Protein backbone atom coordinates (compact mmCIF):
# COMPACT_ATOMS: atom_id res chain seq x y z
CA UNK A 1 111.00 113.62 92.10
CA UNK A 2 109.48 117.29 93.05
CA UNK A 3 107.61 117.47 96.03
CA UNK A 4 104.90 119.77 94.94
CA UNK A 5 103.68 119.52 91.15
CA UNK A 6 101.85 123.21 90.23
CA UNK A 7 99.20 122.61 87.90
CA UNK A 8 98.08 126.03 86.19
CA UNK A 9 97.51 128.31 83.07
CA UNK A 10 100.34 129.54 81.73
CA UNK A 11 98.78 132.99 81.27
CA UNK A 12 98.99 133.03 85.15
CA UNK A 13 102.55 132.40 85.50
CA UNK A 14 103.13 136.04 86.91
CA UNK A 15 100.47 135.24 89.24
CA UNK A 16 101.57 131.69 90.54
CA UNK A 17 106.01 132.61 90.30
CA UNK A 18 105.12 134.56 93.78
CA UNK A 19 103.50 130.55 95.28
CA UNK A 20 106.46 128.98 94.10
CA UNK A 21 108.67 131.08 95.56
CA UNK A 22 107.10 131.08 99.13
CA UNK A 23 106.73 126.98 98.41
CA UNK A 24 110.28 126.71 97.78
CA UNK A 25 111.18 129.10 100.57
CA UNK A 26 110.21 126.21 102.91
CA UNK A 27 112.67 123.68 101.40
CA UNK A 28 110.31 121.95 99.52
CA UNK A 29 110.75 121.26 95.49
CA UNK A 30 108.19 122.11 92.85
CA UNK A 31 107.44 121.13 89.24
CA UNK A 32 106.29 123.82 87.84
CA UNK A 33 107.62 125.78 84.63
CA UNK A 34 109.88 122.89 82.89
CA UNK A 35 111.74 123.31 80.13
CA UNK A 36 110.71 120.48 77.40
CA UNK A 37 113.46 118.55 75.45
CA UNK A 38 113.46 118.73 71.92
CA UNK A 39 111.09 115.60 70.85
CA UNK A 40 110.03 115.00 74.09
CA UNK A 41 106.12 114.79 74.61
CA UNK A 42 104.79 116.92 76.77
CA UNK A 43 101.81 114.83 78.10
CA UNK A 44 104.43 111.86 78.93
CA UNK A 45 106.60 114.35 81.11
CA UNK A 46 103.53 115.64 83.23
CA UNK A 47 102.16 112.37 83.51
CA UNK A 48 105.50 111.04 84.62
CA UNK A 49 105.79 114.17 87.70
CA UNK A 50 102.20 113.75 88.38
CA UNK A 51 103.16 110.23 89.50
CA UNK A 52 105.97 110.97 91.73
CA UNK A 53 104.48 113.90 93.00
CA UNK A 54 103.83 113.91 96.39
CA UNK A 55 100.91 116.43 96.39
CA UNK A 56 99.70 118.77 93.51
CA UNK A 57 98.52 122.39 94.19
CA UNK A 58 95.94 123.77 91.30
CA UNK A 59 95.74 127.02 91.06
CA UNK A 60 92.14 128.24 90.06
CA UNK A 61 91.63 131.28 88.06
CA UNK A 62 88.86 132.28 85.30
CA UNK A 63 91.50 131.05 82.82
CA UNK A 64 92.86 127.80 84.57
CA UNK A 65 88.73 126.51 85.00
CA UNK A 66 88.48 126.73 81.22
CA UNK A 67 91.45 124.53 80.69
CA UNK A 68 91.04 120.91 79.80
CA UNK A 69 94.49 120.07 80.99
CA UNK A 70 94.06 121.82 84.29
CA UNK A 71 90.55 120.60 85.18
CA UNK A 72 92.42 116.95 84.00
CA UNK A 73 95.21 117.43 86.40
CA UNK A 74 92.66 118.33 89.13
CA UNK A 75 90.96 115.05 88.62
CA UNK A 76 94.06 112.74 88.87
CA UNK A 77 95.12 114.27 92.09
CA UNK A 78 91.80 114.44 93.86
CA UNK A 79 91.36 110.63 93.19
CA UNK A 80 94.81 109.76 94.50
CA UNK A 81 94.01 112.46 97.35
CA UNK A 82 97.15 114.49 96.69
CA UNK A 83 94.88 117.56 95.71
CA UNK A 84 95.42 120.78 97.41
CA UNK A 85 93.52 123.56 95.70
CA UNK A 86 93.73 127.42 95.46
CA UNK A 87 91.48 129.93 94.02
CA UNK A 88 91.92 133.70 92.59
CA UNK A 89 88.91 135.92 91.32
CA UNK A 90 86.47 133.82 92.82
CA UNK A 91 86.83 131.54 89.92
CA UNK A 92 83.45 129.22 89.52
CA UNK A 93 84.91 125.94 90.25
CA UNK A 94 84.57 123.06 87.99
CA UNK A 95 81.43 120.80 89.61
CA UNK A 96 83.57 117.55 90.26
CA UNK A 97 85.83 119.74 92.59
CA UNK A 98 83.49 122.19 94.47
CA UNK A 99 82.95 119.76 97.32
CA UNK A 100 86.64 120.08 98.14
CA UNK A 101 87.58 122.86 100.15
CA UNK A 102 89.79 125.27 98.31
CA UNK A 103 91.66 128.32 99.71
CA UNK A 104 91.07 131.85 98.68
CA UNK A 105 94.16 133.93 98.06
CA UNK A 106 92.99 137.03 96.18
CA UNK A 107 94.40 139.05 99.65
CA UNK A 108 97.39 137.14 100.39
CA UNK A 109 99.20 139.96 99.12
CA UNK A 110 102.25 137.42 98.09
CA UNK A 111 102.87 137.81 101.95
CA UNK A 112 103.88 133.85 102.76
CA UNK A 113 102.83 134.95 106.60
CA UNK A 114 99.20 135.81 105.88
CA UNK A 115 96.75 133.15 107.39
CA UNK A 116 95.38 131.91 104.10
CA UNK A 117 98.98 131.17 102.75
CA UNK A 118 99.73 129.52 105.95
CA UNK A 119 96.74 127.13 105.52
CA UNK A 120 97.81 125.97 102.14
CA UNK A 121 101.55 125.60 103.48
CA UNK A 122 99.96 123.58 106.60
CA UNK A 123 98.07 121.13 103.61
CA UNK A 124 101.04 120.73 101.63
CA UNK A 125 103.42 119.90 104.79
CA UNK A 126 100.94 117.47 105.72
CA UNK A 127 100.97 115.80 102.31
CA UNK A 128 104.30 115.63 102.06
CA UNK A 129 105.28 114.65 105.26
CA UNK A 130 102.94 111.53 104.88
CA UNK A 131 104.27 110.68 101.35
CA UNK A 132 107.82 110.38 103.50
CA UNK A 133 106.36 107.83 105.72
CA UNK A 134 105.45 105.40 103.08
CA UNK A 135 106.59 104.31 99.65
CA UNK A 136 104.75 106.09 97.05
CA UNK A 137 102.83 103.31 95.02
CA UNK A 138 102.43 105.43 91.78
CA UNK A 139 106.51 106.14 91.51
CA UNK A 140 108.10 105.94 88.23
CA UNK A 141 109.68 102.66 87.02
CA UNK A 142 113.60 102.94 87.48
CA UNK A 143 113.26 106.06 89.93
CA UNK A 144 116.03 106.20 92.02
CA UNK A 145 115.95 107.62 95.84
CA UNK A 146 117.56 111.00 96.63
CA UNK A 147 119.48 109.49 99.27
CA UNK A 148 121.04 106.37 99.65
CA UNK A 149 119.94 104.23 102.64
CA UNK A 150 121.03 101.17 104.16
CA UNK A 151 118.91 98.18 103.60
CA UNK A 152 116.92 97.19 106.48
CA UNK A 153 116.22 93.87 107.55
CA UNK A 154 112.21 92.70 107.16
CA UNK A 155 110.90 90.93 110.10
CA UNK A 156 107.16 89.91 110.84
CA UNK A 157 106.17 88.91 114.43
CA UNK A 158 103.02 86.03 114.34
CA UNK A 159 101.07 86.52 117.40
CA UNK A 160 102.09 83.83 119.88
CA UNK A 161 99.71 81.47 120.62
CA UNK A 162 97.81 80.91 124.18
CA UNK A 163 99.06 77.87 125.54
CA UNK A 164 97.33 78.62 128.95
CA UNK A 165 94.41 76.19 128.41
CA UNK A 166 92.05 79.33 128.86
CA UNK A 167 90.66 81.63 125.87
CA UNK A 168 90.26 84.54 128.53
CA UNK A 169 94.01 84.70 128.95
CA UNK A 170 94.00 85.52 125.15
CA UNK A 171 94.49 89.14 125.61
CA UNK A 172 97.85 88.14 127.59
CA UNK A 173 99.57 86.53 124.54
CA UNK A 174 98.43 88.96 122.15
CA UNK A 175 99.81 91.88 124.54
CA UNK A 176 102.95 90.42 124.62
CA UNK A 177 103.18 89.50 120.91
CA UNK A 178 102.28 93.55 120.09
CA UNK A 179 104.57 94.58 122.93
CA UNK A 180 107.45 93.00 120.91
CA UNK A 181 106.48 94.34 117.65
CA UNK A 182 106.58 97.73 119.48
CA UNK A 183 110.02 96.77 120.82
CA UNK A 184 111.39 95.90 117.56
CA UNK A 185 109.90 98.72 115.63
CA UNK A 186 112.09 101.17 117.56
CA UNK A 187 115.09 99.43 116.11
CA UNK A 188 116.29 101.59 113.11
CA UNK A 189 117.67 98.55 111.48
CA UNK A 190 114.77 96.53 111.58
CA UNK A 191 111.51 96.72 108.91
CA UNK A 192 108.85 95.22 111.19
CA UNK A 193 105.61 94.23 109.95
CA UNK A 194 102.47 96.03 110.93
CA UNK A 195 100.61 94.57 114.05
CA UNK A 196 97.28 94.60 112.31
CA UNK A 197 99.08 92.85 109.21
CA UNK A 198 100.99 90.18 111.47
CA UNK A 199 97.57 89.41 113.45
CA UNK A 200 95.58 88.49 109.95
CA UNK A 201 97.94 85.41 110.71
CA UNK A 202 96.28 84.27 113.97
CA UNK A 203 94.73 81.01 114.24
CA UNK A 204 95.81 80.05 111.02
CA UNK A 205 98.08 77.01 109.78
CA UNK A 206 100.93 79.18 108.19
CA UNK A 207 103.26 78.37 105.62
CA UNK A 208 106.37 80.39 106.61
CA UNK A 209 107.53 80.32 102.72
CA UNK A 210 103.92 81.49 101.88
CA UNK A 211 104.19 84.31 104.29
CA UNK A 212 107.45 85.27 103.38
CA UNK A 213 106.42 85.47 99.75
CA UNK A 214 102.93 87.29 100.40
CA UNK A 215 104.99 90.30 102.68
CA UNK A 216 108.40 89.87 101.35
CA UNK A 217 110.09 89.58 104.63
CA UNK A 218 113.27 87.75 105.30
CA UNK A 219 112.73 86.61 108.81
CA UNK A 220 109.41 85.54 110.69
CA UNK A 221 109.15 85.15 114.56
CA UNK A 222 106.66 82.58 116.05
CA UNK A 223 105.96 81.50 119.66
CA UNK A 224 103.80 81.00 122.44
CA UNK A 225 103.30 82.10 126.03
CA UNK A 226 101.43 80.07 128.99
CA UNK A 227 100.21 81.61 131.84
CA UNK A 228 99.57 80.03 134.98
CA UNK A 229 99.61 81.31 138.37
CA UNK A 230 102.06 83.64 139.20
CA UNK A 231 104.44 81.75 136.65
CA UNK A 232 104.89 82.46 132.48
CA UNK A 233 106.33 80.22 130.00
CA UNK A 234 107.89 81.97 126.77
CA UNK A 235 109.12 80.09 123.66
CA UNK A 236 110.44 82.23 120.52
CA UNK A 237 111.83 80.89 117.65
CA UNK A 238 113.50 83.31 114.73
CA UNK A 239 113.17 81.47 111.27
CA UNK A 240 115.37 82.62 108.14
CA UNK A 241 112.40 82.36 105.07
CA UNK A 242 115.06 81.66 102.34
CA UNK A 243 116.67 78.52 104.06
CA UNK A 244 113.65 77.87 106.34
CA UNK A 245 116.52 77.66 109.05
CA UNK A 246 116.17 78.61 113.11
CA UNK A 247 118.67 81.01 113.46
CA UNK A 248 117.52 81.52 117.23
CA UNK A 249 115.49 80.14 119.73
CA UNK A 250 115.02 80.16 123.52
CA UNK A 251 112.45 79.15 126.27
CA UNK A 252 111.87 81.00 129.29
CA UNK A 253 110.27 80.11 132.31
CA UNK A 254 110.09 82.93 134.69
CA UNK A 255 108.17 84.37 137.63
CA UNK A 256 105.17 86.72 136.18
CA UNK A 257 106.83 89.53 138.06
CA UNK A 258 109.72 89.40 135.67
CA UNK A 259 107.73 89.91 132.26
CA UNK A 260 109.22 93.13 131.56
CA UNK A 261 112.67 92.25 132.08
CA UNK A 262 111.72 89.01 129.96
CA UNK A 263 109.99 91.45 126.99
CA UNK A 264 113.77 93.40 127.10
CA UNK A 265 115.50 90.03 126.77
CA UNK A 266 113.91 88.43 123.72
CA UNK A 267 114.21 91.68 121.89
CA UNK A 268 117.71 91.95 122.41
CA UNK A 269 118.37 88.47 121.66
CA UNK A 270 116.47 88.87 118.22
CA UNK A 271 118.97 92.04 117.58
CA UNK A 272 122.07 89.93 118.54
CA UNK A 273 120.65 86.91 116.52
CA UNK A 274 120.44 89.28 113.54
CA UNK A 275 124.05 90.47 114.42
CA UNK A 276 122.51 93.92 114.16
CA UNK A 277 123.83 96.97 116.38
CA UNK A 278 121.54 98.68 119.03
CA UNK A 279 121.90 102.09 119.39
CA UNK A 280 121.79 103.58 123.00
CA UNK A 281 118.99 105.28 122.35
CA UNK A 282 117.10 102.42 120.88
CA UNK A 283 118.07 100.63 123.93
CA UNK A 284 116.74 102.61 126.42
CA UNK A 285 113.50 102.93 124.04
CA UNK A 286 112.63 99.56 124.53
CA UNK A 287 113.26 99.40 127.88
CA UNK A 288 110.69 102.03 128.35
CA UNK A 289 107.36 100.03 129.56
CA UNK A 290 105.33 103.02 130.83
CA UNK A 291 104.70 100.89 134.37
CA UNK A 292 106.41 98.33 136.22
CA UNK A 293 103.54 97.01 138.30
CA UNK A 294 102.17 93.94 136.72
CA UNK A 295 98.51 94.53 137.82
CA UNK A 296 98.55 98.40 136.16
CA UNK A 297 100.02 96.10 133.01
CA UNK A 298 97.57 93.67 133.24
CA UNK A 299 94.63 95.61 133.74
CA UNK A 300 95.87 98.07 130.33
CA UNK A 301 96.37 94.47 128.41
CA UNK A 302 92.83 93.88 128.91
CA UNK A 303 91.47 97.18 127.62
CA UNK A 304 93.83 97.23 124.89
CA UNK A 305 92.72 93.77 123.41
CA UNK A 306 88.93 95.39 123.68
CA UNK A 307 90.56 98.30 121.68
CA UNK A 308 92.08 96.53 118.81
CA UNK A 309 89.60 93.42 118.44
CA UNK A 310 86.18 94.49 119.58
CA UNK A 311 83.53 96.41 117.57
CA UNK A 312 84.87 99.99 118.31
CA UNK A 313 81.30 101.24 117.98
CA UNK A 314 79.92 99.58 120.81
CA UNK A 315 79.23 101.90 123.61
CA UNK A 316 79.76 99.07 125.95
CA UNK A 317 83.13 98.56 124.72
CA UNK A 318 84.10 102.26 125.01
CA UNK A 319 82.64 101.93 128.69
CA UNK A 320 84.81 98.72 129.51
CA UNK A 321 87.98 100.20 128.16
CA UNK A 322 87.41 103.22 130.37
CA UNK A 323 86.88 101.10 133.67
CA UNK A 324 90.19 99.29 132.84
CA UNK A 325 92.04 101.78 132.22
CA UNK A 326 91.22 103.80 135.43
CA UNK A 327 91.63 100.77 137.34
CA UNK A 328 95.07 101.05 135.92
CA UNK A 329 95.99 104.72 136.56
CA UNK A 330 94.55 104.23 139.92
CA UNK A 331 97.31 101.63 140.99
CA UNK A 332 100.01 103.51 139.03
CA UNK A 333 98.82 107.09 138.34
CA UNK A 334 102.16 107.84 136.00
CA UNK A 335 100.92 105.31 133.66
CA UNK A 336 101.16 107.33 130.52
CA UNK A 337 99.86 104.64 128.21
CA UNK A 338 96.38 103.70 130.03
CA UNK A 339 95.77 107.25 130.42
CA UNK A 340 96.11 107.64 126.56
CA UNK A 341 94.15 104.72 125.60
CA UNK A 342 91.17 106.16 128.29
CA UNK A 343 91.38 109.42 126.49
CA UNK A 344 90.79 107.46 123.08
CA UNK A 345 87.51 105.74 124.36
CA UNK A 346 86.23 108.63 126.31
CA UNK A 347 86.31 110.79 122.62
CA UNK A 348 84.90 107.86 121.08
CA UNK A 349 81.99 107.86 123.55
CA UNK A 350 81.68 111.40 123.46
CA UNK A 351 81.48 111.70 119.71
CA UNK A 352 79.09 108.46 119.00
CA UNK A 353 77.07 108.25 121.87
CA UNK A 354 76.93 112.22 123.07
CA UNK A 355 78.55 110.55 126.09
CA UNK A 356 79.36 112.67 129.65
CA UNK A 357 82.82 114.72 130.59
CA UNK A 358 85.42 116.70 128.12
CA UNK A 359 85.62 113.75 125.68
CA UNK A 360 89.08 112.66 126.90
CA UNK A 361 90.66 115.96 127.03
CA UNK A 362 91.77 115.53 130.91
CA UNK A 363 93.11 112.04 130.06
CA UNK A 364 94.92 113.16 126.89
CA UNK A 365 96.34 115.99 128.73
CA UNK A 366 97.70 113.79 131.66
CA UNK A 367 99.09 111.44 129.08
CA UNK A 368 101.33 113.94 127.63
CA UNK A 369 102.26 115.48 130.90
CA UNK A 370 103.78 112.03 131.69
CA UNK A 371 105.37 111.09 127.99
CA UNK A 372 104.85 113.89 125.45
CA UNK A 373 105.40 111.28 122.61
CA UNK A 374 102.28 109.31 122.81
CA UNK A 375 100.72 109.61 119.33
CA UNK A 376 97.16 108.24 120.61
CA UNK A 377 96.97 110.67 123.33
CA UNK A 378 97.89 113.59 120.81
CA UNK A 379 95.07 112.14 118.45
CA UNK A 380 92.64 112.13 121.03
CA UNK A 381 93.56 115.80 122.00
CA UNK A 382 93.05 116.91 118.48
CA UNK A 383 90.07 115.25 118.10
CA UNK A 384 88.35 116.88 121.14
CA UNK A 385 89.89 119.95 120.24
CA UNK A 386 88.09 119.46 116.50
CA UNK A 387 84.57 118.71 118.30
CA UNK A 388 85.29 121.99 120.49
CA UNK A 389 85.75 123.85 117.36
CA UNK A 390 89.31 124.73 117.88
CA UNK A 391 90.83 123.65 114.71
CA UNK A 392 94.13 125.65 114.67
CA UNK A 393 95.28 124.33 117.91
CA UNK A 394 93.68 120.81 116.51
CA UNK A 395 96.06 120.67 113.43
CA UNK A 396 99.19 121.35 115.85
CA UNK A 397 98.31 118.00 118.14
CA UNK A 398 97.12 115.78 115.01
CA UNK A 399 100.19 116.73 112.96
CA UNK A 400 102.59 115.86 115.93
CA UNK A 401 100.62 112.46 116.49
CA UNK A 402 100.90 111.79 112.41
CA UNK A 403 104.89 112.14 113.04
CA UNK A 404 104.95 110.27 116.14
CA UNK A 405 102.82 107.69 115.28
CA UNK A 406 101.73 107.10 111.36
CA UNK A 407 100.55 103.93 111.21
CA UNK A 408 98.12 104.14 114.57
CA UNK A 409 94.50 103.55 113.52
CA UNK A 410 93.39 105.91 116.09
CA UNK A 411 95.97 108.99 114.54
CA UNK A 412 94.56 108.22 111.10
CA UNK A 413 90.93 108.39 112.36
CA UNK A 414 91.33 111.57 114.01
CA UNK A 415 93.29 113.05 111.30
CA UNK A 416 90.59 112.05 108.89
CA UNK A 417 87.84 113.58 110.98
CA UNK A 418 89.92 117.07 111.15
CA UNK A 419 90.14 117.07 107.65
CA UNK A 420 86.58 116.16 106.81
CA UNK A 421 85.34 119.09 108.98
CA UNK A 422 87.47 121.62 107.11
CA UNK A 423 86.23 120.21 103.84
CA UNK A 424 89.62 118.97 102.76
CA UNK A 425 88.38 115.91 101.18
CA UNK A 426 91.19 114.96 99.45
CA UNK A 427 93.54 114.37 102.69
CA UNK A 428 90.47 113.07 104.54
CA UNK A 429 90.19 110.02 101.95
CA UNK A 430 94.01 109.98 102.35
CA UNK A 431 93.40 109.56 106.38
CA UNK A 432 90.13 107.44 106.03
CA UNK A 433 91.87 104.39 103.73
CA UNK A 434 94.49 104.03 106.42
CA UNK A 435 92.69 104.11 109.17
CA UNK A 436 90.39 101.14 107.48
CA UNK A 437 93.23 99.22 106.55
CA UNK A 438 94.49 99.50 110.30
CA UNK A 439 91.22 98.04 111.73
CA UNK A 440 89.17 95.40 109.85
CA UNK A 441 86.25 95.99 112.48
CA UNK A 442 86.14 99.94 111.73
CA UNK A 443 83.04 100.49 109.32
CA UNK A 444 82.96 104.44 109.69
CA UNK A 445 86.08 105.28 108.04
CA UNK A 446 85.27 102.91 104.76
CA UNK A 447 81.19 104.77 105.08
CA UNK A 448 82.87 108.16 105.10
CA UNK A 449 85.24 107.19 102.34
CA UNK A 450 81.68 106.63 100.66
CA UNK A 451 80.77 109.94 101.56
CA UNK A 452 84.36 111.70 100.35
CA UNK A 453 84.17 109.61 97.23
CA UNK A 454 80.71 110.41 96.06
CA UNK A 455 81.21 114.76 97.33
CA UNK A 456 84.34 114.54 94.51
CA UNK A 457 82.65 112.43 91.49
CA UNK A 458 84.41 109.02 91.76
CA UNK A 459 81.41 107.09 91.82
CA UNK A 460 83.04 103.97 90.98
CA UNK A 461 85.19 104.25 94.55
CA UNK A 462 82.04 105.45 96.05
CA UNK A 463 80.04 102.02 95.24
CA UNK A 464 83.65 99.87 96.12
CA UNK A 465 83.38 101.87 99.73
CA UNK A 466 79.52 101.31 100.10
CA UNK A 467 79.89 97.65 99.28
CA UNK A 468 83.08 97.21 102.21
CA UNK A 469 80.87 99.32 104.71
CA UNK A 470 77.91 97.12 104.00
CA UNK A 471 80.11 94.03 104.70
CA UNK A 472 81.82 95.15 107.56
CA UNK A 473 78.69 96.85 109.26
CA UNK A 474 76.20 93.60 108.57
CA UNK A 475 79.08 91.51 110.22
CA UNK A 476 78.60 93.27 113.30
CA UNK A 477 74.94 93.73 113.48
CA UNK A 478 74.71 89.89 113.20
CA UNK A 479 76.34 89.68 116.20
CA UNK A 480 75.04 92.67 117.80
CA UNK A 481 71.27 93.59 116.09
CA UNK A 482 70.74 96.11 118.65
CA UNK A 483 74.22 98.15 117.59
CA UNK A 484 72.34 101.54 116.60
CA UNK A 485 75.66 102.74 114.88
CA UNK A 486 76.09 99.70 112.33
CA UNK A 487 72.71 99.31 111.64
CA UNK A 488 72.55 103.16 110.74
CA UNK A 489 75.52 102.83 108.27
CA UNK A 490 73.92 99.56 106.86
CA UNK A 491 70.96 101.44 105.89
CA UNK A 492 73.34 104.16 104.30
CA UNK A 493 75.19 101.59 102.49
CA UNK A 494 72.18 100.43 100.95
CA UNK A 495 70.77 103.59 99.90
CA UNK A 496 73.94 104.39 98.15
CA UNK A 497 73.82 101.19 96.45
CA UNK A 498 70.40 101.92 95.32
CA UNK A 499 68.62 99.13 97.12
CA UNK A 500 66.19 101.66 98.80
CA UNK A 501 63.29 99.00 99.79
CA UNK A 502 65.92 96.97 101.69
CA UNK A 503 66.93 100.40 103.28
CA UNK A 504 63.42 101.26 103.93
CA UNK A 505 62.44 98.10 105.92
CA UNK A 506 65.36 97.78 107.97
CA UNK A 507 64.94 101.40 108.83
CA UNK A 508 61.42 100.74 109.74
CA UNK A 509 62.33 97.80 112.02
CA UNK A 510 65.36 99.82 113.58
CA UNK A 511 63.12 102.97 114.62
CA UNK A 512 60.42 100.95 116.08
CA UNK A 513 63.24 98.81 118.42
CA UNK A 514 65.47 102.13 119.28
CA UNK A 515 63.37 105.62 118.27
CA UNK A 516 65.71 107.62 120.84
CA UNK A 517 69.19 106.78 119.19
CA UNK A 518 70.26 109.57 117.84
CA UNK A 519 73.35 108.78 116.02
CA UNK A 520 71.20 105.94 114.25
CA UNK A 521 68.69 108.56 113.47
CA UNK A 522 71.27 110.77 111.85
CA UNK A 523 72.85 107.86 109.53
CA UNK A 524 69.41 107.35 108.08
CA UNK A 525 68.71 110.75 107.54
CA UNK A 526 71.94 110.94 105.39
CA UNK A 527 70.67 107.77 103.35
CA UNK A 528 67.38 108.88 102.79
CA UNK A 529 68.78 112.27 101.68
CA UNK A 530 70.65 110.25 98.95
CA UNK A 531 67.63 108.59 97.75
CA UNK A 532 65.60 111.98 97.39
CA UNK A 533 63.18 111.35 100.32
CA UNK A 534 63.62 114.80 101.69
CA UNK A 535 60.67 115.01 103.94
CA UNK A 536 61.85 111.72 105.78
CA UNK A 537 65.34 112.84 106.39
CA UNK A 538 64.27 115.79 107.77
CA UNK A 539 61.52 113.85 110.17
CA UNK A 540 64.69 111.86 111.11
CA UNK A 541 66.77 114.70 111.81
CA UNK A 542 64.66 116.68 113.99
CA UNK A 543 65.41 115.02 117.74
CA UNK A 544 69.16 114.87 116.54
CA UNK A 545 69.28 118.63 116.59
CA UNK A 546 67.13 119.11 119.74
CA UNK A 547 69.33 116.57 121.71
CA UNK A 548 73.05 115.99 120.01
CA UNK A 549 75.83 118.11 120.79
CA UNK A 550 77.98 120.89 119.22
CA UNK A 551 80.23 118.40 117.28
CA UNK A 552 77.35 116.65 115.74
CA UNK A 553 75.46 119.90 114.53
CA UNK A 554 78.75 121.35 113.42
CA UNK A 555 79.37 117.68 111.31
CA UNK A 556 75.96 118.11 109.96
CA UNK A 557 76.73 121.59 108.51
CA UNK A 558 79.57 120.09 106.24
CA UNK A 559 78.41 116.58 105.74
CA UNK A 560 78.11 116.44 101.78
CA UNK A 561 75.22 113.48 102.46
CA UNK A 562 73.18 116.31 103.60
CA UNK A 563 73.93 118.78 100.98
CA UNK A 564 70.67 118.27 99.19
CA UNK A 565 68.73 119.54 102.11
CA UNK A 566 70.71 122.17 103.37
CA UNK A 567 68.85 124.90 102.02
CA UNK A 568 65.28 123.54 102.98
CA UNK A 569 63.42 126.15 105.09
CA UNK A 570 63.11 123.41 107.55
CA UNK A 571 66.65 121.91 107.76
CA UNK A 572 67.85 126.10 108.38
CA UNK A 573 64.76 126.32 111.23
CA UNK A 574 66.45 123.53 113.18
CA UNK A 575 69.91 124.48 112.71
CA UNK A 576 69.13 127.79 114.11
CA UNK A 577 67.40 126.33 116.77
CA UNK A 578 70.21 123.89 117.40
CA UNK A 579 72.90 127.12 117.43
CA UNK A 580 70.75 128.97 119.85
CA UNK A 581 70.43 126.07 122.33
CA UNK A 582 74.03 125.18 122.04
CA UNK A 583 75.41 129.19 122.39
CA UNK A 584 72.89 129.10 125.83
CA UNK A 585 74.24 126.49 127.69
CA UNK A 586 77.87 127.57 126.61
CA UNK A 587 76.80 131.05 128.18
CA UNK A 588 74.85 129.73 131.04
């Protein structure tokens, strides 16, 4: 299996050869100029190599643009989100890939150190690294891994039941469950089901055999938590799925102050029951709790509950997370996890609601000074660097965040946003898909998938994403009828689905209730631009460009949803005025 599949016209071979040499110098394998065995179908080999490639580099030239083979390979790679396009001689790109960021290599001079080629290498490296964190679903049948590895024991930690008799204590039992998942994930011999998947079974009467079949796991851990006063009782049992056999079980009655030692004890007991070896560095990693202060930990668990179960588009939710984390860090200033979560919430508040302050940069820096391996802190820092237009620095933070925590919602969301701003839509699609899968209340990622798929011409995926957005956002507006962010995405989705009258009626009612909500106005404008209602869209955008932050203005410059109005004189005038306003504010 090659890391990079290169698609090009055969007449461009001499031009492509130095590119291949530079890629191979990075230690990556390349499939580009194969010898075809006699009698073998060339199409079959192309398809097989495309299916297992981690990324596809398409070399656009005036010759390759005319090749139906290259165009077909580019479409296939774009649909899979693994396309990295480069161009020579300002070749006129095919219409269905014009929205994708394409690097011009006319002046690279066969120099791998040139800025243009470094950009290409970063794009390839990001996709190759991402492919390494998950199994390629398109792998050819019967393919053999490059190196044999010892099979890991698979386990699912079901959310522990709250037995406290107080629904408000749910955050504590969920927090214990999440910490056990995190601890076990640090054991190299274990393959632990993600928190999001495990919590999909919360509150349901689960059948262990069904879970084993659905998730393909060998063991399931279940338990309960009872917290009362200064005491905590935790019961846990480990079940071997194939035999429906309890291989380990225990009940712990402790002072609440012993909770940190108790979590370590549970994790190590499971490792022992499975007869696995816990490496010294793994034992040390499990013991790292971030804080030894019970009150700070309790506040952090409350904040984390808002983060993983609430509507992230709700301004009150962001503010609650910040207050709780600030209280936790006042108690324990060295609590890196609380600083990191505060940074994430501040970044969301800054972008979605034009909130005050630096968007979480100081909190992220503080978290990283205490623990440089916090993926969420690096994601928050990368996100605010993106908003400030400091893209090279943002890439450094996001790539490190992806290495540290590839299964984090915040990390994938921040990565998608960065690639979107760079018009690298295939990579953005990949990260938005992952973020949407990790957070069931996330309607923003699915909506931006609608934008991305429409921009690359995949109308079927566009419609599916619009339907997913509508379902998620309408669920929020049922609970929170005044949620302008969700309303904006509902209207935009209806426009993309062709339900124009319903979209107009909803937008009219929402504007009467909250005419000053610039985020809602922006998303309404995107929807009406899709309907061809250009004057309405421009009317909606006026106050946005007069009031909103640089990130919103810069976002509008690359947003494919506004492509149809970008050359309108009114749009250009509003954009110039916004740039002047922001420039004056920065210089002042």
